[in-house]
């Protein structure tokens, strides 16, 4: 694979004990202790009232992470192409639909049906911000973060334009929880842009926070030394991004490796 490069302009994080990027960076850099707590998901104020009422957990998660990332980057969300990546989408709606199909009447709520499709979060994002740029929604099981990062970086390299990456996953309710164990909701937003394109890029003060260089590697995936954060990384596909976030939080250059294919991983060199 040809080496791919992009710069990070903005970061958004929401997860258990991680309420935003500044507090998450303090935890990942060791400046604050990690105190695990259930992820708090709020109704997205940017959505119209009807859509706000219908928004499920993964939609709230994706929009919250994305909103923080674009604020930091100072980019106009209407002008950003996007990549949405999730290992399973909305497990709550999937479970509710399966339960309804098991009942004699087999009546499925139209709202649950349209929220159950894998690109529902992308649709809500476009409604929230009036964005009509291209959007891709993908799934690669436990490698969904790496697949999303690879797709977004390819787009940056090919179009020479910034791209918003949103990776997100949430835990399933019973009985699916016993078959797909995800510990809690975790979402990450990254605004990626071409190298050298960040200064004066948006309405705010977008600057490159780090440069990423992507290649494929046979090396083992990176892990975290902190036992509770490593448990989170291992138990939620979107949280596989935590080693990258740790490098950024510590302002430390180096390589991190992510799950991708069975015999081939995605290596990311971080330059800060």
C-alpha atoms as a PDB file:
ATOM      1  CA  UNK A   1       0.000   0.000   0.000  1.00  0.00           C
ATOM      2  CA  UNK A   2       1.267   3.476  -0.851  1.00  0.00           C
ATOM      3  CA  UNK A   3       1.930   5.558   2.250  1.00  0.00           C
ATOM      4  CA  UNK A   4      -1.039   7.806   3.006  1.00  0.00           C
ATOM      5  CA  UNK A   5      -0.790  11.050   4.959  1.00  0.00           C
ATOM      6  CA  UNK A   6      -3.181  13.487   6.616  1.00  0.00           C
ATOM      7  CA  UNK A   7      -3.163  15.972   9.441  1.00  0.00           C
ATOM      8  CA  UNK A   8      -5.552  16.028  12.386  1.00  0.00           C
ATOM      9  CA  UNK A   9      -7.240  19.391  12.885  1.00  0.00           C
ATOM     10  CA  UNK A  10      -9.930  18.508  15.400  1.00  0.00           C
ATOM     11  CA  UNK A  11     -10.743  15.764  17.908  1.00  0.00           C
ATOM     12  CA  UNK A  12     -13.982  14.850  19.662  1.00  0.00           C
ATOM     13  CA  UNK A  13     -14.298  12.103  22.275  1.00  0.00           C
ATOM     14  CA  UNK A  14     -17.188  10.737  24.315  1.00  0.00           C
ATOM     15  CA  UNK A  15     -17.040   7.523  26.292  1.00  0.00           C
ATOM     16  CA  UNK A  16     -17.179   5.957  29.757  1.00  0.00           C
ATOM     17  CA  UNK A  17     -15.407   8.382  32.100  1.00  0.00           C
ATOM     18  CA  UNK A  18     -14.342  10.470  29.065  1.00  0.00           C
ATOM     19  CA  UNK A  19     -16.663  13.435  28.535  1.00  0.00           C
ATOM     20  CA  UNK A  20     -14.700  15.396  25.886  1.00  0.00           C
ATOM     21  CA  UNK A  21     -11.249  15.652  24.332  1.00  0.00           C
ATOM     22  CA  UNK A  22      -9.580  18.013  26.896  1.00  0.00           C
ATOM     23  CA  UNK A  23     -10.542  15.853  29.872  1.00  0.00           C
ATOM     24  CA  UNK A  24      -9.762  12.657  27.945  1.00  0.00           C
ATOM     25  CA  UNK A  25      -6.342  14.028  26.992  1.00  0.00           C
ATOM     26  CA  UNK A  26      -5.612  14.784  30.647  1.00  0.00           C
ATOM     27  CA  UNK A  27      -6.499  11.199  31.589  1.00  0.00           C
ATOM     28  CA  UNK A  28      -4.577   9.606  28.708  1.00  0.00           C
ATOM     29  CA  UNK A  29      -1.508  11.747  29.449  1.00  0.00           C
ATOM     30  CA  UNK A  30      -1.587  10.709  33.114  1.00  0.00           C
ATOM     31  CA  UNK A  31      -2.370  14.196  34.434  1.00  0.00           C
ATOM     32  CA  UNK A  32      -5.725  13.064  35.862  1.00  0.00           C
ATOM     33  CA  UNK A  33      -6.784   9.652  37.194  1.00  0.00           C
ATOM     34  CA  UNK A  34      -9.215   7.651  35.113  1.00  0.00           C
ATOM     35  CA  UNK A  35     -12.571   7.314  36.847  1.00  0.00           C
ATOM     36  CA  UNK A  36     -14.814   5.002  34.917  1.00  0.00           C
ATOM     37  CA  UNK A  37     -18.492   5.897  34.661  1.00  0.00           C
ATOM     38  CA  UNK A  38     -21.296   5.160  32.229  1.00  0.00           C
ATOM     39  CA  UNK A  39     -21.262   7.269  29.088  1.00  0.00           C
ATOM     40  CA  UNK A  40     -23.712  10.160  29.315  1.00  0.00           C
ATOM     41  CA  UNK A  41     -25.601  10.799  26.062  1.00  0.00           C
ATOM     42  CA  UNK A  42     -27.596  13.988  25.610  1.00  0.00           C
ATOM     43  CA  UNK A  43     -30.168  14.899  22.975  1.00  0.00           C
ATOM     44  CA  UNK A  44     -28.377  16.785  20.156  1.00  0.00           C
ATOM     45  CA  UNK A  45     -29.541  20.388  20.355  1.00  0.00           C
ATOM     46  CA  UNK A  46     -28.481  20.952  16.756  1.00  0.00           C
ATOM     47  CA  UNK A  47     -31.295  18.703  15.469  1.00  0.00           C
ATOM     48  CA  UNK A  48     -34.838  19.939  14.828  1.00  0.00           C
ATOM     49  CA  UNK A  49     -37.273  18.915  17.623  1.00  0.00           C
ATOM     50  CA  UNK A  50     -38.852  15.969  15.754  1.00  0.00           C
ATOM     51  CA  UNK A  51     -35.509  14.415  14.827  1.00  0.00           C
ATOM     52  CA  UNK A  52     -34.145  15.130  18.302  1.00  0.00           C
ATOM     53  CA  UNK A  53     -36.941  13.034  19.847  1.00  0.00           C
ATOM     54  CA  UNK A  54     -36.271  10.164  17.438  1.00  0.00           C
ATOM     55  CA  UNK A  55     -32.490  10.111  17.809  1.00  0.00           C
ATOM     56  CA  UNK A  56     -31.191   6.899  19.336  1.00  0.00           C
ATOM     57  CA  UNK A  57     -28.062   6.360  21.403  1.00  0.00           C
ATOM     58  CA  UNK A  58     -25.587   5.858  18.560  1.00  0.00           C
ATOM     59  CA  UNK A  59     -26.905   8.959  16.783  1.00  0.00           C
ATOM     60  CA  UNK A  60     -26.454  11.035  19.948  1.00  0.00           C
ATOM     61  CA  UNK A  61     -22.989   9.547  20.341  1.00  0.00           C
ATOM     62  CA  UNK A  62     -21.846  10.220  16.782  1.00  0.00           C
ATOM     63  CA  UNK A  63     -23.226  13.755  16.671  1.00  0.00           C
ATOM     64  CA  UNK A  64     -21.651  14.694  20.010  1.00  0.00           C
ATOM     65  CA  UNK A  65     -18.183  13.485  18.969  1.00  0.00           C
ATOM     66  CA  UNK A  66     -18.503  15.131  15.576  1.00  0.00           C
ATOM     67  CA  UNK A  67     -19.674  18.458  16.996  1.00  0.00           C
ATOM     68  CA  UNK A  68     -16.632  18.697  19.268  1.00  0.00           C
ATOM     69  CA  UNK A  69     -14.235  17.796  16.438  1.00  0.00           C
ATOM     70  CA  UNK A  70     -15.566  20.437  14.042  1.00  0.00           C
ATOM     71  CA  UNK A  71     -15.570  23.099  16.782  1.00  0.00           C
ATOM     72  CA  UNK A  72     -11.902  22.465  17.451  1.00  0.00           C
ATOM     73  CA  UNK A  73     -11.030  22.401  13.771  1.00  0.00           C
ATOM     74  CA  UNK A  74     -12.998  25.548  12.970  1.00  0.00           C
ATOM     75  CA  UNK A  75     -14.381  23.894   9.853  1.00  0.00           C
ATOM     76  CA  UNK A  76     -17.798  24.543   8.337  1.00  0.00           C
ATOM     77  CA  UNK A  77     -19.669  21.221   8.762  1.00  0.00           C
ATOM     78  CA  UNK A  78     -21.729  21.949   5.634  1.00  0.00           C
ATOM     79  CA  UNK A  79     -18.560  21.644   3.545  1.00  0.00           C
ATOM     80  CA  UNK A  80     -17.092  18.466   5.023  1.00  0.00           C
ATOM     81  CA  UNK A  81     -17.280  15.072   3.381  1.00  0.00           C
ATOM     82  CA  UNK A  82     -17.677  12.378   6.020  1.00  0.00           C
ATOM     83  CA  UNK A  83     -16.904   8.775   6.883  1.00  0.00           C
ATOM     84  CA  UNK A  84     -19.060   7.040   9.498  1.00  0.00           C
ATOM     85  CA  UNK A  85     -17.739   3.767  10.898  1.00  0.00           C
ATOM     86  CA  UNK A  86     -19.439   1.446  13.378  1.00  0.00           C
ATOM     87  CA  UNK A  87     -19.117  -2.261  14.065  1.00  0.00           C
ATOM     88  CA  UNK A  88     -22.831  -2.766  14.572  1.00  0.00           C
ATOM     89  CA  UNK A  89     -24.834   0.439  14.375  1.00  0.00           C
ATOM     90  CA  UNK A  90     -27.912   0.800  16.570  1.00  0.00           C
ATOM     91  CA  UNK A  91     -28.230  -2.324  18.706  1.00  0.00           C
ATOM     92  CA  UNK A  92     -31.214  -0.945  20.635  1.00  0.00           C
ATOM     93  CA  UNK A  93     -33.319  -0.631  17.496  1.00  0.00           C
ATOM     94  CA  UNK A  94     -32.100  -3.968  16.165  1.00  0.00           C
ATOM     95  CA  UNK A  95     -33.183  -5.638  19.396  1.00  0.00           C
ATOM     96  CA  UNK A  96     -36.570  -3.884  19.453  1.00  0.00           C
ATOM     97  CA  UNK A  97     -37.274  -4.902  15.849  1.00  0.00           C
ATOM     98  CA  UNK A  98     -36.319  -8.523  16.546  1.00  0.00           C
ATOM     99  CA  UNK A  99     -38.645  -8.543  19.570  1.00  0.00           C
ATOM    100  CA  UNK A 100     -41.478  -7.081  17.471  1.00  0.00           C
ATOM    101  CA  UNK A 101     -40.969  -9.708  14.773  1.00  0.00           C
ATOM    102  CA  UNK A 102     -41.246 -12.436  17.394  1.00  0.00           C
ATOM    103  CA  UNK A 103     -44.687 -11.175  18.470  1.00  0.00           C
ATOM    104  CA  UNK A 104     -47.881 -12.448  16.763  1.00  0.00           C
ATOM    105  CA  UNK A 105     -48.741  -8.995  15.327  1.00  0.00           C
ATOM    106  CA  UNK A 106     -45.191  -8.378  14.016  1.00  0.00           C
ATOM    107  CA  UNK A 107     -45.727  -4.609  14.065  1.00  0.00           C
ATOM    108  CA  UNK A 108     -42.553  -2.585  13.526  1.00  0.00           C
ATOM    109  CA  UNK A 109     -42.388   1.101  14.351  1.00  0.00           C
ATOM    110  CA  UNK A 110     -41.530   3.176  11.247  1.00  0.00           C
ATOM    111  CA  UNK A 111     -39.217   5.319  13.396  1.00  0.00           C
ATOM    112  CA  UNK A 112     -37.349   2.259  14.626  1.00  0.00           C
ATOM    113  CA  UNK A 113     -37.096   0.973  11.066  1.00  0.00           C
ATOM    114  CA  UNK A 114     -35.515   4.118   9.636  1.00  0.00           C
ATOM    115  CA  UNK A 115     -33.172   4.390  12.631  1.00  0.00           C
ATOM    116  CA  UNK A 116     -32.086   0.770  12.212  1.00  0.00           C
ATOM    117  CA  UNK A 117     -30.277   1.272   8.895  1.00  0.00           C
ATOM    118  CA  UNK A 118     -26.502   1.442   9.206  1.00  0.00           C
ATOM    119  CA  UNK A 119     -26.195   4.955   7.755  1.00  0.00           C
ATOM    120  CA  UNK A 120     -28.839   6.490  10.042  1.00  0.00           C
ATOM    121  CA  UNK A 121     -26.239   8.558  11.912  1.00  0.00           C
ATOM    122  CA  UNK A 122     -24.987  10.012   8.625  1.00  0.00           C
ATOM    123  CA  UNK A 123     -28.544  10.982   7.726  1.00  0.00           C
ATOM    124  CA  UNK A 124     -29.085  12.732  11.038  1.00  0.00           C
ATOM    125  CA  UNK A 125     -25.754  14.548  10.619  1.00  0.00           C
ATOM    126  CA  UNK A 126     -26.834  15.889   7.233  1.00  0.00           C
ATOM    127  CA  UNK A 127     -30.143  17.061   8.718  1.00  0.00           C
ATOM    128  CA  UNK A 128     -28.416  18.687  11.692  1.00  0.00           C
ATOM    129  CA  UNK A 129     -25.934  20.710   9.648  1.00  0.00           C
ATOM    130  CA  UNK A 130     -27.475  20.914   6.201  1.00  0.00           C
ATOM    131  CA  UNK A 131     -24.491  19.055   4.798  1.00  0.00           C
ATOM    132  CA  UNK A 132     -24.873  17.701   1.267  1.00  0.00           C
ATOM    133  CA  UNK A 133     -21.264  16.589   0.791  1.00  0.00           C
ATOM    134  CA  UNK A 134     -20.460  12.943   0.069  1.00  0.00           C
ATOM    135  CA  UNK A 135     -20.746  10.531   2.975  1.00  0.00           C
ATOM    136  CA  UNK A 136     -19.635   6.915   3.376  1.00  0.00           C
ATOM    137  CA  UNK A 137     -20.865   4.584   6.134  1.00  0.00           C
ATOM    138  CA  UNK A 138     -18.972   1.349   6.660  1.00  0.00           C
ATOM    139  CA  UNK A 139     -18.609  -1.601   8.983  1.00  0.00           C
ATOM    140  CA  UNK A 140     -15.655  -3.939   9.522  1.00  0.00           C
ATOM    141  CA  UNK A 141     -16.544  -5.654  12.812  1.00  0.00           C
ATOM    142  CA  UNK A 142     -13.734  -5.127  15.370  1.00  0.00           C
ATOM    143  CA  UNK A 143     -11.577  -3.423  12.725  1.00  0.00           C
ATOM    144  CA  UNK A 144     -14.177  -0.727  12.024  1.00  0.00           C
ATOM    145  CA  UNK A 145     -12.061   2.130  13.417  1.00  0.00           C
ATOM    146  CA  UNK A 146      -9.056   1.168  11.295  1.00  0.00           C
ATOM    147  CA  UNK A 147     -11.234   0.743   8.203  1.00  0.00           C
ATOM    148  CA  UNK A 148     -12.808   4.144   8.783  1.00  0.00           C
ATOM    149  CA  UNK A 149      -9.444   5.836   9.330  1.00  0.00           C
ATOM    150  CA  UNK A 150      -8.064   4.233   6.175  1.00  0.00           C
ATOM    151  CA  UNK A 151     -11.100   5.280   4.111  1.00  0.00           C
ATOM    152  CA  UNK A 152     -11.020   8.857   5.402  1.00  0.00           C
ATOM    153  CA  UNK A 153      -7.281   9.216   4.779  1.00  0.00           C
ATOM    154  CA  UNK A 154      -7.627   7.826   1.252  1.00  0.00           C
ATOM    155  CA  UNK A 155     -10.316  10.427   0.580  1.00  0.00           C
ATOM    156  CA  UNK A 156      -8.094  13.214   1.937  1.00  0.00           C
ATOM    157  CA  UNK A 157      -5.234  12.031  -0.261  1.00  0.00           C
ATOM    158  CA  UNK A 158      -7.377  11.684  -3.383  1.00  0.00           C
ATOM    159  CA  UNK A 159      -9.467  14.850  -3.114  1.00  0.00           C
ATOM    160  CA  UNK A 160      -7.027  17.162  -1.274  1.00  0.00           C
ATOM    161  CA  UNK A 161      -9.986  18.208   0.856  1.00  0.00           C
ATOM    162  CA  UNK A 162     -10.744  17.746   4.580  1.00  0.00           C
ATOM    163  CA  UNK A 163     -12.874  14.823   5.751  1.00  0.00           C
ATOM    164  CA  UNK A 164     -14.703  14.179   9.015  1.00  0.00           C
ATOM    165  CA  UNK A 165     -14.253  10.668  10.456  1.00  0.00           C
ATOM    166  CA  UNK A 166     -16.758   9.451  13.036  1.00  0.00           C
ATOM    167  CA  UNK A 167     -16.205   6.065  14.709  1.00  0.00           C
ATOM    168  CA  UNK A 168     -18.774   4.960  17.274  1.00  0.00           C
ATOM    169  CA  UNK A 169     -20.181   1.891  18.985  1.00  0.00           C
ATOM    170  CA  UNK A 170     -22.623   1.257  21.813  1.00  0.00           C
ATOM    171  CA  UNK A 171     -23.448  -1.734  23.951  1.00  0.00           C
ATOM    172  CA  UNK A 172     -26.322  -4.034  23.040  1.00  0.00           C
ATOM    173  CA  UNK A 173     -29.266  -4.791  25.343  1.00  0.00           C
ATOM    174  CA  UNK A 174     -30.092  -8.389  26.289  1.00  0.00           C
ATOM    175  CA  UNK A 175     -30.301 -10.950  24.801  1.00  0.00           C
ATOM    176  CA  UNK A 176     -27.937  -9.794  22.028  1.00  0.00           C
ATOM    177  CA  UNK A 177     -25.522  -8.524  24.655  1.00  0.00           C
ATOM    178  CA  UNK A 178     -24.505 -12.103  25.456  1.00  0.00           C
ATOM    179  CA  UNK A 179     -23.509 -12.637  21.796  1.00  0.00           C
ATOM    180  CA  UNK A 180     -21.862  -9.258  21.147  1.00  0.00           C
ATOM    181  CA  UNK A 181     -20.223  -7.956  24.308  1.00  0.00           C
ATOM    182  CA  UNK A 182     -19.527  -4.229  23.997  1.00  0.00           C
ATOM    183  CA  UNK A 183     -18.878  -2.620  27.371  1.00  0.00           C
ATOM    184  CA  UNK A 184     -20.390   0.841  26.825  1.00  0.00           C
ATOM    185  CA  UNK A 185     -20.858   3.616  24.287  1.00  0.00           C
ATOM    186  CA  UNK A 186     -17.717   5.205  22.845  1.00  0.00           C
ATOM    187  CA  UNK A 187     -17.463   7.740  20.041  1.00  0.00           C
ATOM    188  CA  UNK A 188     -14.586   9.511  18.332  1.00  0.00           C
ATOM    189  CA  UNK A 189     -14.545  12.349  15.818  1.00  0.00           C
ATOM    190  CA  UNK A 190     -11.475  13.353  13.800  1.00  0.00           C
ATOM    191  CA  UNK A 191     -11.262  16.165  11.267  1.00  0.00           C
ATOM    192  CA  UNK A 192      -8.549  15.095   8.818  1.00  0.00           C
ATOM    193  CA  UNK A 193      -7.062  17.408   6.193  1.00  0.00           C
ATOM    194  CA  UNK A 194      -4.281  17.357   3.584  1.00  0.00           C
ATOM    195  CA  UNK A 195      -0.785  18.040   4.864  1.00  0.00           C
ATOM    196  CA  UNK A 196      -0.059  21.758   4.674  1.00  0.00           C
ATOM    197  CA  UNK A 197      -3.699  22.787   4.272  1.00  0.00           C
ATOM    198  CA  UNK A 198      -4.571  23.663   7.868  1.00  0.00           C
ATOM    199  CA  UNK A 199      -3.483  27.262   8.421  1.00  0.00           C
ATOM    200  CA  UNK A 200      -6.464  29.547   7.869  1.00  0.00           C
ATOM    201  CA  UNK A 201      -8.512  26.567   6.756  1.00  0.00           C
ATOM    202  CA  UNK A 202     -11.809  27.285   8.438  1.00  0.00           C
ATOM    203  CA  UNK A 203     -13.916  29.837  10.212  1.00  0.00           C
ATOM    204  CA  UNK A 204     -11.902  29.249  13.379  1.00  0.00           C
ATOM    205  CA  UNK A 205      -8.181  28.812  13.858  1.00  0.00           C
ATOM    206  CA  UNK A 206      -7.641  25.361  12.359  1.00  0.00           C
ATOM    207  CA  UNK A 207      -4.090  24.165  12.842  1.00  0.00           C
ATOM    208  CA  UNK A 208      -2.535  20.740  12.491  1.00  0.00           C
ATOM    209  CA  UNK A 209      -2.471  18.896  15.827  1.00  0.00           C
ATOM    210  CA  UNK A 210      -0.474  16.016  14.370  1.00  0.00           C
ATOM    211  CA  UNK A 211       0.455  14.380  11.083  1.00  0.00           C
ATOM    212  CA  UNK A 212      -0.513  10.768  10.403  1.00  0.00           C
ATOM    213  CA  UNK A 213       1.248   8.396   8.006  1.00  0.00           C
ATOM    214  CA  UNK A 214      -0.590   5.149   7.289  1.00  0.00           C
ATOM    215  CA  UNK A 215       0.881   1.875   6.061  1.00  0.00           C
ATOM    216  CA  UNK A 216       0.020  -1.806   6.408  1.00  0.00           C
ATOM    217  CA  UNK A 217       2.001  -3.932   8.853  1.00  0.00           C
ATOM    218  CA  UNK A 218       2.100  -7.510  10.208  1.00  0.00           C
ATOM    219  CA  UNK A 219       2.809  -6.221  13.740  1.00  0.00           C
ATOM    220  CA  UNK A 220       0.504  -6.897  16.675  1.00  0.00           C
ATOM    221  CA  UNK A 221      -2.083  -4.244  17.591  1.00  0.00           C
ATOM    222  CA  UNK A 222      -1.020  -1.631  20.131  1.00  0.00           C
ATOM    223  CA  UNK A 223      -2.298  -1.873  23.704  1.00  0.00           C
ATOM    224  CA  UNK A 224      -2.449   0.516  26.657  1.00  0.00           C
ATOM    225  CA  UNK A 225      -0.502   0.145  29.898  1.00  0.00           C
ATOM    226  CA  UNK A 226      -3.414   1.440  32.000  1.00  0.00           C
ATOM    227  CA  UNK A 227      -5.500  -1.671  32.851  1.00  0.00           C
ATOM    228  CA  UNK A 228      -8.954  -0.010  32.856  1.00  0.00           C
ATOM    229  CA  UNK A 229      -8.332   1.951  29.662  1.00  0.00           C
ATOM    230  CA  UNK A 230      -6.950  -1.196  28.039  1.00  0.00           C
ATOM    231  CA  UNK A 231     -10.121  -3.047  29.070  1.00  0.00           C
ATOM    232  CA  UNK A 232     -12.154  -0.313  27.374  1.00  0.00           C
ATOM    233  CA  UNK A 233     -10.003  -0.513  24.240  1.00  0.00           C
ATOM    234  CA  UNK A 234     -10.457  -4.267  24.108  1.00  0.00           C
ATOM    235  CA  UNK A 235     -14.195  -4.274  24.807  1.00  0.00           C
ATOM    236  CA  UNK A 236     -15.463  -1.637  22.354  1.00  0.00           C
ATOM    237  CA  UNK A 237     -14.434  -1.591  18.675  1.00  0.00           C
ATOM    238  CA  UNK A 238     -14.508   2.217  18.365  1.00  0.00           C
ATOM    239  CA  UNK A 239     -12.272   2.454  21.438  1.00  0.00           C
ATOM    240  CA  UNK A 240      -9.521   0.680  19.493  1.00  0.00           C
ATOM    241  CA  UNK A 241      -8.565   4.295  18.698  1.00  0.00           C
ATOM    242  CA  UNK A 242      -7.322   4.885  22.262  1.00  0.00           C
ATOM    243  CA  UNK A 243      -3.600   4.203  21.553  1.00  0.00           C
ATOM    244  CA  UNK A 244      -3.707   6.933  18.891  1.00  0.00           C
ATOM    245  CA  UNK A 245      -5.435   9.301  21.305  1.00  0.00           C
ATOM    246  CA  UNK A 246      -2.813   8.512  23.949  1.00  0.00           C
ATOM    247  CA  UNK A 247      -0.025   9.490  21.544  1.00  0.00           C
ATOM    248  CA  UNK A 248      -1.812  12.756  20.795  1.00  0.00           C
ATOM    249  CA  UNK A 249      -2.536  13.459  24.462  1.00  0.00           C
ATOM    250  CA  UNK A 250       1.123  12.984  25.373  1.00  0.00           C
ATOM    251  CA  UNK A 251       2.244  15.005  22.323  1.00  0.00           C
ATOM    252  CA  UNK A 252       4.505  12.074  21.513  1.00  0.00           C
ATOM    253  CA  UNK A 253       5.602  10.929  18.076  1.00  0.00           C
ATOM    254  CA  UNK A 254       5.661   7.206  17.398  1.00  0.00           C
ATOM    255  CA  UNK A 255       3.843   4.326  15.772  1.00  0.00           C
ATOM    256  CA  UNK A 256       0.565   2.720  16.797  1.00  0.00           C
ATOM    257  CA  UNK A 257      -0.940  -0.384  15.188  1.00  0.00           C
ATOM    258  CA  UNK A 258      -4.625  -1.255  14.848  1.00  0.00           C
ATOM    259  CA  UNK A 259      -6.646  -4.387  14.094  1.00  0.00           C
ATOM    260  CA  UNK A 260      -7.520  -4.563  10.406  1.00  0.00           C
ATOM    261  CA  UNK A 261      -7.240  -7.879   8.551  1.00  0.00           C
ATOM    262  CA  UNK A 262      -6.514 -11.252  10.157  1.00  0.00           C
ATOM    263  CA  UNK A 263      -2.912 -11.258   8.951  1.00  0.00           C
ATOM    264  CA  UNK A 264      -2.375  -7.569   8.268  1.00  0.00           C
ATOM    265  CA  UNK A 265      -2.826  -4.526  10.485  1.00  0.00           C
ATOM    266  CA  UNK A 266      -2.952  -0.793   9.973  1.00  0.00           C
ATOM    267  CA  UNK A 267       0.185   0.990  11.211  1.00  0.00           C
ATOM    268  CA  UNK A 268      -0.064   4.712  11.900  1.00  0.00           C
ATOM    269  CA  UNK A 269       3.016   6.841  12.428  1.00  0.00           C
ATOM    270  CA  UNK A 270       2.106   9.864  14.542  1.00  0.00           C
ATOM    271  CA  UNK A 271       4.223  13.006  14.116  1.00  0.00           C
ATOM    272  CA  UNK A 272       3.532  15.799  16.628  1.00  0.00           C
END
